[in-house]
Amino acid sequence: MSEILWQFVLSSGRVRICRIVSAVLILKFAVWINDALMQRFCKLKLWLNSFQFLNKFMLIQFV
C-alpha cells in the first residue's frame, strides 16, 4: 500500500516539476518573442519616421 502511495507521490511530483519547468520555459519564450517583436517594431518605426522625414524633405524640395 505504501509503495503505491509513494509511487503516486513521486509521479505527481514529477508531473508538478514538469509543469513548473514547462511554464517557466513558456514564459521565457514569450518574453523572448516579445523582446524580438519590440526590437523589430522599433526598427520599423524608426524606418517609417525616416521615410516620412524624407517625404517632407522631398516635398519642400519640389515646392
PDB file of N, CA and C in Angstrom:
ATOM      1  N   MET A   1       0.838  -1.209   0.000  1.00  0.00           N
ATOM      2  CA  MET A   1       0.000   0.000   0.000  1.00  0.00           C
ATOM      3  C   MET A   1       0.874   1.261   0.000  1.00  0.00           C
ATOM      4  N   SER A   2       1.863   1.267   0.896  1.00  0.00           N
ATOM      5  CA  SER A   2       2.722   2.455   0.988  1.00  0.00           C
ATOM      6  C   SER A   2       3.553   2.630  -0.288  1.00  0.00           C
ATOM      7  N   GLU A   3       3.905   1.489  -0.956  1.00  0.00           N
ATOM      8  CA  GLU A   3       4.656   1.574  -2.215  1.00  0.00           C
ATOM      9  C   GLU A   3       3.849   2.286  -3.283  1.00  0.00           C
ATOM     10  N   ILE A   4       2.588   1.919  -3.408  1.00  0.00           N
ATOM     11  CA  ILE A   4       1.694   2.539  -4.394  1.00  0.00           C
ATOM     12  C   ILE A   4       1.552   4.030  -4.098  1.00  0.00           C
ATOM     13  N   LEU A   5       1.361   4.330  -2.819  1.00  0.00           N
ATOM     14  CA  LEU A   5       1.243   5.731  -2.401  1.00  0.00           C
ATOM     15  C   LEU A   5       2.518   6.503  -2.728  1.00  0.00           C
ATOM     16  N   TRP A   6       3.670   5.893  -2.442  1.00  0.00           N
ATOM     17  CA  TRP A   6       4.970   6.524  -2.698  1.00  0.00           C
ATOM     18  C   TRP A   6       5.167   6.769  -4.191  1.00  0.00           C
ATOM     19  N   GLN A   7       4.769   5.754  -5.000  1.00  0.00           N
ATOM     20  CA  GLN A   7       4.878   5.901  -6.461  1.00  0.00           C
ATOM     21  C   GLN A   7       3.975   7.033  -6.950  1.00  0.00           C
ATOM     22  N   PHE A   8       2.788   7.124  -6.374  1.00  0.00           N
ATOM     23  CA  PHE A   8       1.848   8.194  -6.747  1.00  0.00           C
ATOM     24  C   PHE A   8       2.439   9.560  -6.405  1.00  0.00           C
ATOM     25  N   VAL A   9       3.025   9.663  -5.210  1.00  0.00           N
ATOM     26  CA  VAL A   9       3.646  10.926  -4.787  1.00  0.00           C
ATOM     27  C   VAL A   9       4.788  11.292  -5.735  1.00  0.00           C
ATOM     28  N   LEU A  10       5.620  10.292  -6.076  1.00  0.00           N
ATOM     29  CA  LEU A  10       6.742  10.534  -6.987  1.00  0.00           C
ATOM     30  C   LEU A  10       6.250  10.979  -8.360  1.00  0.00           C
ATOM     31  N   SER A  11       5.229  10.259  -8.881  1.00  0.00           N
ATOM     32  CA  SER A  11       4.736  10.596 -10.221  1.00  0.00           C
ATOM     33  C   SER A  11       4.062  11.975 -10.222  1.00  0.00           C
ATOM     34  N   SER A  12       3.291  12.277  -9.178  1.00  0.00           N
ATOM     35  CA  SER A  12       2.646  13.591  -9.117  1.00  0.00           C
ATOM     36  C   SER A  12       3.695  14.691  -8.931  1.00  0.00           C
ATOM     37  N   GLY A  13       4.757  14.367  -8.174  1.00  0.00           N
ATOM     38  CA  GLY A  13       5.858  15.317  -8.012  1.00  0.00           C
ATOM     39  C   GLY A  13       6.546  15.584  -9.326  1.00  0.00           C
ATOM     40  N   ARG A  14       6.757  14.513 -10.101  1.00  0.00           N
ATOM     41  CA  ARG A  14       7.376  14.667 -11.429  1.00  0.00           C
ATOM     42  C   ARG A  14       6.500  15.501 -12.333  1.00  0.00           C
ATOM     43  N   VAL A  15       5.213  15.224 -12.310  1.00  0.00           N
ATOM     44  CA  VAL A  15       4.270  15.981 -13.145  1.00  0.00           C
ATOM     45  C   VAL A  15       4.303  17.460 -12.758  1.00  0.00           C
ATOM     46  N   ARG A  16       4.317  17.707 -11.453  1.00  0.00           N
ATOM     47  CA  ARG A  16       4.347  19.097 -10.974  1.00  0.00           C
ATOM     48  C   ARG A  16       5.625  19.793 -11.426  1.00  0.00           C
ATOM     49  N   ILE A  17       6.772  19.095 -11.287  1.00  0.00           N
ATOM     50  CA  ILE A  17       8.053  19.665 -11.712  1.00  0.00           C
ATOM     51  C   ILE A  17       8.032  19.936 -13.220  1.00  0.00           C
ATOM     52  N   CYS A  18       7.504  18.969 -13.974  1.00  0.00           N
ATOM     53  CA  CYS A  18       7.422  19.148 -15.430  1.00  0.00           C
ATOM     54  C   CYS A  18       6.550  20.345 -15.784  1.00  0.00           C
ATOM     55  N   ARG A  19       5.438  20.487 -15.071  1.00  0.00           N
ATOM     56  CA  ARG A  19       4.550  21.626 -15.331  1.00  0.00           C
ATOM     57  C   ARG A  19       5.243  22.942 -15.008  1.00  0.00           C
ATOM     58  N   ILE A  20       5.956  22.972 -13.872  1.00  0.00           N
ATOM     59  CA  ILE A  20       6.661  24.199 -13.481  1.00  0.00           C
ATOM     60  C   ILE A  20       7.719  24.539 -14.522  1.00  0.00           C
ATOM     61  N   VAL A  21       8.495  23.525 -14.929  1.00  0.00           N
ATOM     62  CA  VAL A  21       9.557  23.740 -15.920  1.00  0.00           C
ATOM     63  C   VAL A  21       8.971  24.215 -17.237  1.00  0.00           C
ATOM     64  N   SER A  22       7.899  23.566 -17.682  1.00  0.00           N
ATOM     65  CA  SER A  22       7.296  23.970 -18.953  1.00  0.00           C
ATOM     66  C   SER A  22       6.711  25.379 -18.858  1.00  0.00           C
ATOM     67  N   ALA A  23       6.126  25.715 -17.716  1.00  0.00           N
ATOM     68  CA  ALA A  23       5.577  27.064 -17.542  1.00  0.00           C
ATOM     69  C   ALA A  23       6.691  28.102 -17.594  1.00  0.00           C
ATOM     70  N   VAL A  24       7.815  27.802 -16.932  1.00  0.00           N
ATOM     71  CA  VAL A  24       8.954  28.728 -16.944  1.00  0.00           C
ATOM     72  C   VAL A  24       9.490  28.881 -18.356  1.00  0.00           C
ATOM     73  N   LEU A  25       9.618  27.762 -19.076  1.00  0.00           N
ATOM     74  CA  LEU A  25      10.121  27.810 -20.451  1.00  0.00           C
ATOM     75  C   LEU A  25       9.187  28.607 -21.352  1.00  0.00           C
ATOM     76  N   ILE A  26       7.882  28.389 -21.189  1.00  0.00           N
ATOM     77  CA  ILE A  26       6.900  29.129 -21.990  1.00  0.00           C
ATOM     78  C   ILE A  26       6.993  30.619 -21.702  1.00  0.00           C
ATOM     79  N   LEU A  27       7.127  30.978 -20.424  1.00  0.00           N
ATOM     80  CA  LEU A  27       7.271  32.390 -20.050  1.00  0.00           C
ATOM     81  C   LEU A  27       8.522  32.999 -20.657  1.00  0.00           C
ATOM     82  N   LYS A  28       9.654  32.272 -20.555  1.00  0.00           N
ATOM     83  CA  LYS A  28      10.904  32.779 -21.126  1.00  0.00           C
ATOM     84  C   LYS A  28      10.768  32.963 -22.623  1.00  0.00           C
ATOM     85  N   PHE A  29      10.131  31.990 -23.286  1.00  0.00           N
ATOM     86  CA  PHE A  29       9.928  32.052 -24.730  1.00  0.00           C
ATOM     87  C   PHE A  29       9.050  33.247 -25.098  1.00  0.00           C
ATOM     88  N   ALA A  30       7.984  33.461 -24.303  1.00  0.00           N
ATOM     89  CA  ALA A  30       7.082  34.585 -24.553  1.00  0.00           C
ATOM     90  C   ALA A  30       7.822  35.916 -24.390  1.00  0.00           C
ATOM     91  N   VAL A  31       8.642  36.014 -23.352  1.00  0.00           N
ATOM     92  CA  VAL A  31       9.423  37.241 -23.126  1.00  0.00           C
ATOM     93  C   VAL A  31      10.393  37.459 -24.275  1.00  0.00           C
ATOM     94  N   TRP A  32      11.035  36.372 -24.743  1.00  0.00           N
ATOM     95  CA  TRP A  32      12.000  36.457 -25.839  1.00  0.00           C
ATOM     96  C   TRP A  32      11.304  36.919 -27.118  1.00  0.00           C
ATOM     97  N   ILE A  33      10.133  36.336 -27.415  1.00  0.00           N
ATOM     98  CA  ILE A  33       9.368  36.729 -28.606  1.00  0.00           C
ATOM     99  C   ILE A  33       8.963  38.196 -28.492  1.00  0.00           C
ATOM    100  N   ASN A  34       8.502  38.593 -27.299  1.00  0.00           N
ATOM    101  CA  ASN A  34       8.086  39.972 -27.083  1.00  0.00           C
ATOM    102  C   ASN A  34       9.243  40.939 -27.323  1.00  0.00           C
ATOM    103  N   ASP A  35      10.427  40.596 -26.789  1.00  0.00           N
ATOM    104  CA  ASP A  35      11.612  41.440 -26.996  1.00  0.00           C
ATOM    105  C   ASP A  35      11.952  41.539 -28.477  1.00  0.00           C
ATOM    106  N   ALA A  36      11.930  40.399 -29.166  1.00  0.00           N
ATOM    107  CA  ALA A  36      12.263  40.383 -30.596  1.00  0.00           C
ATOM    108  C   ALA A  36      11.270  41.238 -31.382  1.00  0.00           C
ATOM    109  N   LEU A  37       9.985  41.090 -31.060  1.00  0.00           N
ATOM    110  CA  LEU A  37       8.961  41.873 -31.757  1.00  0.00           C
ATOM    111  C   LEU A  37       9.109  43.361 -31.467  1.00  0.00           C
ATOM    112  N   MET A  38       9.398  43.696 -30.221  1.00  0.00           N
ATOM    113  CA  MET A  38       9.559  45.100 -29.860  1.00  0.00           C
ATOM    114  C   MET A  38      10.754  45.710 -30.581  1.00  0.00           C
ATOM    115  N   GLN A  39      11.857  44.968 -30.650  1.00  0.00           N
ATOM    116  CA  GLN A  39      13.039  45.458 -31.360  1.00  0.00           C
ATOM    117  C   GLN A  39      12.712  45.675 -32.827  1.00  0.00           C
ATOM    118  N   ARG A  40      12.020  44.711 -33.419  1.00  0.00           N
ATOM    119  CA  ARG A  40      11.659  44.824 -34.836  1.00  0.00           C
ATOM    120  C   ARG A  40      10.713  46.000 -35.040  1.00  0.00           C
ATOM    121  N   PHE A  41       9.758  46.144 -34.122  1.00  0.00           N
ATOM    122  CA  PHE A  41       8.781  47.230 -34.218  1.00  0.00           C
ATOM    123  C   PHE A  41       9.476  48.587 -34.104  1.00  0.00           C
ATOM    124  N   CYS A  42      10.450  48.690 -33.180  1.00  0.00           N
ATOM    125  CA  CYS A  42      11.187  49.946 -33.026  1.00  0.00           C
ATOM    126  C   CYS A  42      11.969  50.270 -34.284  1.00  0.00           C
ATOM    127  N   LYS A  43      12.595  49.242 -34.872  1.00  0.00           N
ATOM    128  CA  LYS A  43      13.332  49.451 -36.124  1.00  0.00           C
ATOM    129  C   LYS A  43      12.382  49.910 -37.224  1.00  0.00           C
ATOM    130  N   LEU A  44      11.223  49.262 -37.294  1.00  0.00           N
ATOM    131  CA  LEU A  44      10.229  49.612 -38.303  1.00  0.00           C
ATOM    132  C   LEU A  44       9.752  51.047 -38.101  1.00  0.00           C
ATOM    133  N   LYS A  45       9.522  51.411 -36.837  1.00  0.00           N
ATOM    134  CA  LYS A  45       9.069  52.757 -36.521  1.00  0.00           C
ATOM    135  C   LYS A  45      10.127  53.788 -36.914  1.00  0.00           C
ATOM    136  N   LEU A  46      11.381  53.483 -36.595  1.00  0.00           N
ATOM    137  CA  LEU A  46      12.476  54.378 -36.987  1.00  0.00           C
ATOM    138  C   LEU A  46      12.532  54.520 -38.500  1.00  0.00           C
ATOM    139  N   TRP A  47      12.380  53.392 -39.191  1.00  0.00           N
ATOM    140  CA  TRP A  47      12.421  53.393 -40.651  1.00  0.00           C
ATOM    141  C   TRP A  47      11.274  54.227 -41.210  1.00  0.00           C
ATOM    142  N   LEU A  48      10.074  54.052 -40.639  1.00  0.00           N
ATOM    143  CA  LEU A  48       8.913  54.830 -41.093  1.00  0.00           C
ATOM    144  C   LEU A  48       9.109  56.317 -40.819  1.00  0.00           C
ATOM    145  N   ASN A  49       9.648  56.646 -39.647  1.00  0.00           N
ATOM    146  CA  ASN A  49       9.901  58.051 -39.313  1.00  0.00           C
ATOM    147  C   ASN A  49      10.889  58.669 -40.286  1.00  0.00           C
ATOM    148  N   SER A  50      11.958  57.949 -40.611  1.00  0.00           N
ATOM    149  CA  SER A  50      12.947  58.473 -41.553  1.00  0.00           C
ATOM    150  C   SER A  50      12.327  58.614 -42.940  1.00  0.00           C
ATOM    151  N   PHE A  51      11.450  57.659 -43.303  1.00  0.00           N
ATOM    152  CA  PHE A  51      10.776  57.724 -44.606  1.00  0.00           C
ATOM    153  C   PHE A  51       9.863  58.948 -44.673  1.00  0.00           C
ATOM    154  N   GLN A  52       9.113  59.211 -43.595  1.00  0.00           N
ATOM    155  CA  GLN A  52       8.247  60.390 -43.537  1.00  0.00           C
ATOM    156  C   GLN A  52       9.079  61.666 -43.617  1.00  0.00           C
ATOM    157  N   PHE A  53      10.211  61.664 -42.915  1.00  0.00           N
ATOM    158  CA  PHE A  53      11.099  62.822 -42.941  1.00  0.00           C
ATOM    159  C   PHE A  53      11.600  63.064 -44.362  1.00  0.00           C
ATOM    160  N   LEU A  54      11.975  61.979 -45.063  1.00  0.00           N
ATOM    161  CA  LEU A  54      12.430  62.099 -46.451  1.00  0.00           C
ATOM    162  C   LEU A  54      11.312  62.627 -47.346  1.00  0.00           C
ATOM    163  N   ASN A  55      10.099  62.143 -47.132  1.00  0.00           N
ATOM    164  CA  ASN A  55       8.960  62.627 -47.919  1.00  0.00           C
ATOM    165  C   ASN A  55       8.759  64.121 -47.717  1.00  0.00           C
ATOM    166  N   LYS A  56       8.804  64.573 -46.466  1.00  0.00           N
ATOM    167  CA  LYS A  56       8.649  66.003 -46.178  1.00  0.00           C
ATOM    168  C   LYS A  56       9.769  66.800 -46.831  1.00  0.00           C
ATOM    169  N   PHE A  57      10.971  66.265 -46.759  1.00  0.00           N
ATOM    170  CA  PHE A  57      12.134  66.915 -47.346  1.00  0.00           C
ATOM    171  C   PHE A  57      11.966  67.034 -48.861  1.00  0.00           C
ATOM    172  N   MET A  58      11.467  65.959 -49.492  1.00  0.00           N
ATOM    173  CA  MET A  58      11.236  65.957 -50.939  1.00  0.00           C
ATOM    174  C   MET A  58      10.166  66.974 -51.311  1.00  0.00           C
ATOM    175  N   LEU A  59       9.105  67.020 -50.520  1.00  0.00           N
ATOM    176  CA  LEU A  59       8.034  67.980 -50.792  1.00  0.00           C
ATOM    177  C   LEU A  59       8.562  69.406 -50.712  1.00  0.00           C
ATOM    178  N   ILE A  60       9.390  69.665 -49.717  1.00  0.00           N
ATOM    179  CA  ILE A  60       9.978  71.000 -49.578  1.00  0.00           C
ATOM    180  C   ILE A  60      10.866  71.296 -50.788  1.00  0.00           C
ATOM    181  N   GLN A  61      11.603  70.312 -51.245  1.00  0.00           N
ATOM    182  CA  GLN A  61      12.492  70.476 -52.395  1.00  0.00           C
ATOM    183  C   GLN A  61      11.697  70.822 -53.653  1.00  0.00           C
ATOM    184  N   PHE A  62      10.567  70.115 -53.833  1.00  0.00           N
ATOM    185  CA  PHE A  62       9.785  70.316 -55.063  1.00  0.00           C
ATOM    186  C   PHE A  62       8.990  71.618 -55.034  1.00  0.00           C
ATOM    187  N   VAL A  63       8.624  72.084 -53.862  1.00  0.00           N
ATOM    188  CA  VAL A  63       7.792  73.293 -53.757  1.00  0.00           C
ATOM    189  C   VAL A  63       8.597  74.546 -53.926  1.00  0.00           C
TER     190      VAL A  63
END
